[in-house]
C-alpha atoms as a PDB file:
ATOM      1  CA  MET A   1     -55.619 -43.052  74.396  1.00  0.00           C
ATOM      2  CA  LYS A   2     -57.465 -40.151  74.075  1.00  0.00           C
ATOM      3  CA  THR A   3     -54.512 -38.216  73.517  1.00  0.00           C
ATOM      4  CA  LEU A   4     -53.573 -40.328  70.423  1.00  0.00           C
ATOM      5  CA  GLY A   5     -56.512 -40.156  68.924  1.00  0.00           C
ATOM      6  CA  THR A   6     -56.492 -36.072  69.545  1.00  0.00           C
ATOM      7  CA  ILE A   7     -52.750 -36.660  67.479  1.00  0.00           C
ATOM      8  CA  PHE A   8     -54.193 -38.727  65.205  1.00  0.00           C
ATOM      9  CA  VAL A   9     -57.042 -36.344  64.024  1.00  0.00           C
ATOM     10  CA  LEU A  10     -54.813 -32.852  64.384  1.00  0.00           C
ATOM     11  CA  GLY A  11     -52.162 -35.004  61.891  1.00  0.00           C
ATOM     12  CA  ILE A  12     -54.772 -36.152  59.427  1.00  0.00           C
ATOM     13  CA  ALA A  13     -55.859 -32.003  59.392  1.00  0.00           C
ATOM     14  CA  LEU A  14     -52.105 -30.868  59.170  1.00  0.00           C
ATOM     15  CA  VAL A  15     -51.771 -33.197  55.930  1.00  0.00           C
ATOM     16  CA  LEU A  16     -55.234 -32.534  54.787  1.00  0.00           C
ATOM     17  CA  ALA A  17     -54.118 -28.712  54.887  1.00  0.00           C
ATOM     18  CA  ALA A  18     -50.967 -28.668  53.463  1.00  0.00           C
ATOM     19  CA  CYS A  19     -52.479 -30.680  50.443  1.00  0.00           C
ATOM     20  CA  GLY A  20     -55.402 -28.142  50.428  1.00  0.00           C
ATOM     21  CA  SER A  21     -53.160 -24.379  50.385  1.00  0.00           C
ATOM     22  CA  ASN A  22     -50.954 -25.436  47.202  1.00  0.00           C
ATOM     23  CA  SER A  23     -50.931 -22.165  45.166  1.00  0.00           C
ATOM     24  CA  ASN A  24     -50.750 -22.833  41.260  1.00  0.00           C
ATOM     25  CA  SER A  25     -50.187 -19.090  40.731  1.00  0.00           C
ATOM     26  CA  ASN A  26     -46.652 -19.087  41.642  1.00  0.00           C
ATOM     27  CA  ILE A  27     -46.049 -21.029  38.553  1.00  0.00           C
ATOM     28  CA  ILE A  28     -47.271 -18.960  35.786  1.00  0.00           C
ATOM     29  CA  ASN A  29     -47.117 -15.380  37.567  1.00  0.00           C
ATOM     30  CA  GLY A  30     -44.116 -13.422  36.235  1.00  0.00           C
ATOM     31  CA  ASN A  31     -42.081 -11.906  33.230  1.00  0.00           C
ATOM     32  CA  TRP A  32     -41.652 -14.540  30.528  1.00  0.00           C
ATOM     33  CA  THR A  33     -39.707 -14.162  27.254  1.00  0.00           C
ATOM     34  CA  ALA A  34     -40.122 -16.152  24.386  1.00  0.00           C
ATOM     35  CA  ALA A  35     -38.940 -17.269  21.339  1.00  0.00           C
ATOM     36  CA  LEU A  36     -40.976 -18.867  17.967  1.00  0.00           C
ATOM     37  CA  LEU A  37     -39.324 -21.136  15.933  1.00  0.00           C
ATOM     38  CA  ASN A  38     -40.440 -21.382  12.041  1.00  0.00           C
ATOM     39  CA  SER A  39     -40.966 -24.905  11.109  1.00  0.00           C
ATOM     40  CA  SER A  40     -40.733 -23.812   7.505  1.00  0.00           C
ATOM     41  CA  SER A  41     -37.468 -22.537   7.393  1.00  0.00           C
ATOM     42  CA  GLY A  42     -35.369 -25.100   9.440  1.00  0.00           C
ATOM     43  CA  GLY A  43     -36.382 -24.084  13.030  1.00  0.00           C
ATOM     44  CA  SER A  44     -34.928 -20.408  12.249  1.00  0.00           C
ATOM     45  CA  PRO A  45     -36.391 -17.599  14.440  1.00  0.00           C
ATOM     46  CA  ILE A  46     -39.321 -15.777  13.361  1.00  0.00           C
ATOM     47  CA  PHE A  47     -40.880 -14.365  16.747  1.00  0.00           C
ATOM     48  CA  ASN A  48     -39.344 -12.986  20.025  1.00  0.00           C
ATOM     49  CA  PHE A  49     -41.333 -10.926  22.893  1.00  0.00           C
ATOM     50  CA  THR A  50     -41.237 -10.479  26.259  1.00  0.00           C
ATOM     51  CA  THR A  51     -45.050 -10.035  29.085  1.00  0.00           C
ATOM     52  CA  THR A  52     -46.096 -10.743  32.177  1.00  0.00           C
ATOM     53  CA  LEU A  53     -48.314 -13.570  33.142  1.00  0.00           C
ATOM     54  CA  THR A  54     -50.954 -13.391  35.953  1.00  0.00           C
ATOM     55  CA  GLN A  55     -53.195 -15.967  36.762  1.00  0.00           C
ATOM     56  CA  SER A  56     -56.570 -14.567  37.539  1.00  0.00           C
ATOM     57  CA  SER A  57     -59.313 -16.762  38.572  1.00  0.00           C
ATOM     58  CA  GLY A  58     -59.259 -20.281  37.830  1.00  0.00           C
ATOM     59  CA  SER A  59     -57.600 -21.418  34.720  1.00  0.00           C
ATOM     60  CA  SER A  60     -57.896 -17.489  33.022  1.00  0.00           C
ATOM     61  CA  VAL A  61     -54.308 -16.094  32.778  1.00  0.00           C
ATOM     62  CA  SER A  62     -53.862 -11.974  32.532  1.00  0.00           C
ATOM     63  CA  VAL A  63     -51.764 -10.889  29.621  1.00  0.00           C
ATOM     64  CA  THR A  64     -50.067  -7.256  29.942  1.00  0.00           C
ATOM     65  CA  ASN A  65     -46.852  -5.698  28.847  1.00  0.00           C
ATOM     66  CA  LEU A  66     -46.435  -7.913  25.633  1.00  0.00           C
ATOM     67  CA  ASN A  67     -43.611  -6.388  23.750  1.00  0.00           C
ATOM     68  CA  PHE A  68     -42.304  -7.965  20.506  1.00  0.00           C
ATOM     69  CA  THR A  69     -38.850  -7.485  20.725  1.00  0.00           C
ATOM     70  CA  SER A  70     -38.931  -8.972  16.725  1.00  0.00           C
ATOM     71  CA  SER A  71     -40.338  -6.713  14.144  1.00  0.00           C
ATOM     72  CA  SER A  72     -43.208  -7.553  12.475  1.00  0.00           C
ATOM     73  CA  PRO A  73     -45.722  -6.699  10.158  1.00  0.00           C
ATOM     74  CA  CYS A  74     -48.194  -9.039  11.565  1.00  0.00           C
ATOM     75  CA  PHE A  75     -48.625  -6.980  15.247  1.00  0.00           C
ATOM     76  CA  ALA A  76     -47.104  -3.436  13.802  1.00  0.00           C
ATOM     77  CA  SER A  77     -50.574  -1.618  15.110  1.00  0.00           C
ATOM     78  CA  GLY A  78     -50.130  -3.110  18.311  1.00  0.00           C
ATOM     79  CA  SER A  79     -52.334  -6.377  20.133  1.00  0.00           C
ATOM     80  CA  THR A  80     -54.289  -7.470  22.622  1.00  0.00           C
ATOM     81  CA  ALA A  81     -53.719 -11.159  24.255  1.00  0.00           C
ATOM     82  CA  THR A  82     -55.770 -14.017  26.376  1.00  0.00           C
ATOM     83  CA  GLY A  83     -54.678 -16.754  28.044  1.00  0.00           C
ATOM     84  CA  GLY A  84     -55.144 -19.481  29.837  1.00  0.00           C
ATOM     85  CA  PHE A  85     -53.273 -22.591  32.489  1.00  0.00           C
ATOM     86  CA  THR A  86     -54.492 -25.517  33.612  1.00  0.00           C
ATOM     87  CA  LEU A  87     -52.243 -27.244  36.564  1.00  0.00           C
ATOM     88  CA  SER A  88     -51.646 -31.001  35.856  1.00  0.00           C
ATOM     89  CA  GLY A  89     -50.254 -32.114  38.483  1.00  0.00           C
ATOM     90  CA  ASN A  90     -47.441 -31.821  40.693  1.00  0.00           C
ATOM     91  CA  LEU A  91     -44.521 -34.508  40.871  1.00  0.00           C
ATOM     92  CA  ASN A  92     -41.200 -34.775  42.768  1.00  0.00           C
ATOM     93  CA  GLY A  93     -41.542 -30.606  43.184  1.00  0.00           C
ATOM     94  CA  VAL A  94     -41.851 -30.326  39.315  1.00  0.00           C
ATOM     95  CA  THR A  95     -44.932 -28.737  38.781  1.00  0.00           C
ATOM     96  CA  SER A  96     -46.475 -28.920  35.315  1.00  0.00           C
ATOM     97  CA  GLY A  97     -49.712 -28.855  33.469  1.00  0.00           C
ATOM     98  CA  GLY A  98     -51.499 -26.788  30.220  1.00  0.00           C
ATOM     99  CA  PHE A  99     -51.067 -23.412  28.703  1.00  0.00           C
ATOM    100  CA  GLN A 100     -52.813 -21.697  26.051  1.00  0.00           C
ATOM    101  CA  MET A 101     -52.719 -17.895  24.415  1.00  0.00           C
ATOM    102  CA  ASN A 102     -54.029 -15.943  21.572  1.00  0.00           C
ATOM    103  CA  ILE A 103     -52.485 -13.259  20.931  1.00  0.00           C
ATOM    104  CA  GLN A 104     -55.015 -11.059  18.294  1.00  0.00           C
ATOM    105  CA  SER A 105     -53.796  -7.976  16.055  1.00  0.00           C
ATOM    106  CA  THR A 106     -55.292  -4.644  16.393  1.00  0.00           C
ATOM    107  CA  GLY A 107     -56.342  -2.659  13.800  1.00  0.00           C
ATOM    108  CA  SER A 108     -57.540  -3.188   9.704  1.00  0.00           C
ATOM    109  CA  SER A 109     -55.520  -6.475  10.177  1.00  0.00           C
ATOM    110  CA  ASN A 110     -57.302  -9.124  11.416  1.00  0.00           C
ATOM    111  CA  ASP A 111     -54.010 -11.267  12.404  1.00  0.00           C
ATOM    112  CA  LEU A 112     -54.260 -14.260  15.194  1.00  0.00           C
ATOM    113  CA  LEU A 113     -51.137 -15.888  16.712  1.00  0.00           C
ATOM    114  CA  THR A 114     -51.912 -19.056  19.158  1.00  0.00           C
ATOM    115  CA  LEU A 115     -49.648 -20.799  21.408  1.00  0.00           C
ATOM    116  CA  ILE A 116     -50.200 -24.407  22.847  1.00  0.00           C
ATOM    117  CA  GLY A 117     -48.363 -26.013  24.961  1.00  0.00           C
ATOM    118  CA  THR A 118     -46.683 -27.241  28.286  1.00  0.00           C
ATOM    119  CA  VAL A 119     -45.619 -25.434  31.089  1.00  0.00           C
ATOM    120  CA  SER A 120     -42.885 -27.452  33.861  1.00  0.00           C
ATOM    121  CA  ASN A 121     -41.879 -25.408  36.227  1.00  0.00           C
ATOM    122  CA  ASN A 122     -39.761 -22.216  34.896  1.00  0.00           C
ATOM    123  CA  THR A 123     -40.477 -23.133  30.725  1.00  0.00           C
ATOM    124  CA  ILE A 124     -43.196 -23.428  28.871  1.00  0.00           C
ATOM    125  CA  SER A 125     -42.719 -25.213  25.416  1.00  0.00           C
ATOM    126  CA  GLY A 126     -45.324 -26.329  22.393  1.00  0.00           C
ATOM    127  CA  ASN A 127     -46.148 -25.190  19.205  1.00  0.00           C
ATOM    128  CA  TRP A 128     -47.288 -22.130  17.497  1.00  0.00           C
ATOM    129  CA  THR A 129     -49.889 -21.327  14.866  1.00  0.00           C
ATOM    130  CA  LEU A 130     -50.282 -18.190  12.891  1.00  0.00           C
ATOM    131  CA  SER A 131     -52.803 -17.356  10.715  1.00  0.00           C
ATOM    132  CA  GLY A 132     -54.432 -13.751   8.899  1.00  0.00           C
ATOM    133  CA  THR A 133     -54.554 -11.532   6.490  1.00  0.00           C
ATOM    134  CA  THR A 134     -51.509  -9.635   5.995  1.00  0.00           C
ATOM    135  CA  SER A 135     -48.969 -10.488   4.057  1.00  0.00           C
ATOM    136  CA  GLY A 136     -46.272 -13.073   5.456  1.00  0.00           C
ATOM    137  CA  CYS A 137     -48.653 -13.566   8.899  1.00  0.00           C
ATOM    138  CA  SER A 138     -49.388 -17.070   8.890  1.00  0.00           C
ATOM    139  CA  GLY A 139     -46.959 -20.067   9.711  1.00  0.00           C
ATOM    140  CA  SER A 140     -46.430 -22.500  12.429  1.00  0.00           C
ATOM    141  CA  GLY A 141     -43.544 -23.803  14.176  1.00  0.00           C
ATOM    142  CA  GLN A 142     -42.146 -24.574  17.769  1.00  0.00           C
ATOM    143  CA  PHE A 143     -41.634 -22.202  20.536  1.00  0.00           C
ATOM    144  CA  THR A 144     -40.405 -21.876  24.144  1.00  0.00           C
ATOM    145  CA  MET A 145     -40.947 -19.514  27.087  1.00  0.00           C
ATOM    146  CA  ASN A 146     -38.766 -18.830  30.367  1.00  0.00           C
ATOM    147  CA  LYS A 147     -39.551 -17.345  32.869  1.00  0.00           C
ATOM    148  CA  SER A 148     -37.536 -14.465  33.944  1.00  0.00           C
END
């Protein structure tokens, strides 16, 4: 009887350890390619960029190696970016959560690109908005980011 109790306690401990050791950082960490579509022009592409995302402590996400692969006056003099990710679930091996990323232009322009979406495994999709002082740097639409 004592052996059965020990096996039961060890079994419970293993189950709890497995639940607590799941790391969600691997979901976000990596290189990503983004395509932003303009809602006012029938969904035509307006911005494309690549970046590296790394989940820091908590829900904070470090955004590095940001490179716009489409030309735009909005971020011609450079940009800084911040992000966040919140894990909401893991059902049948599909991990999901909320994602937000802000890209702020540097220099004299004051352009801000905000992406808000949902992470599902290796894809982030949602809506973007752009506001700013540079001519032609405003709009909104949908985006998709794919992990490479």
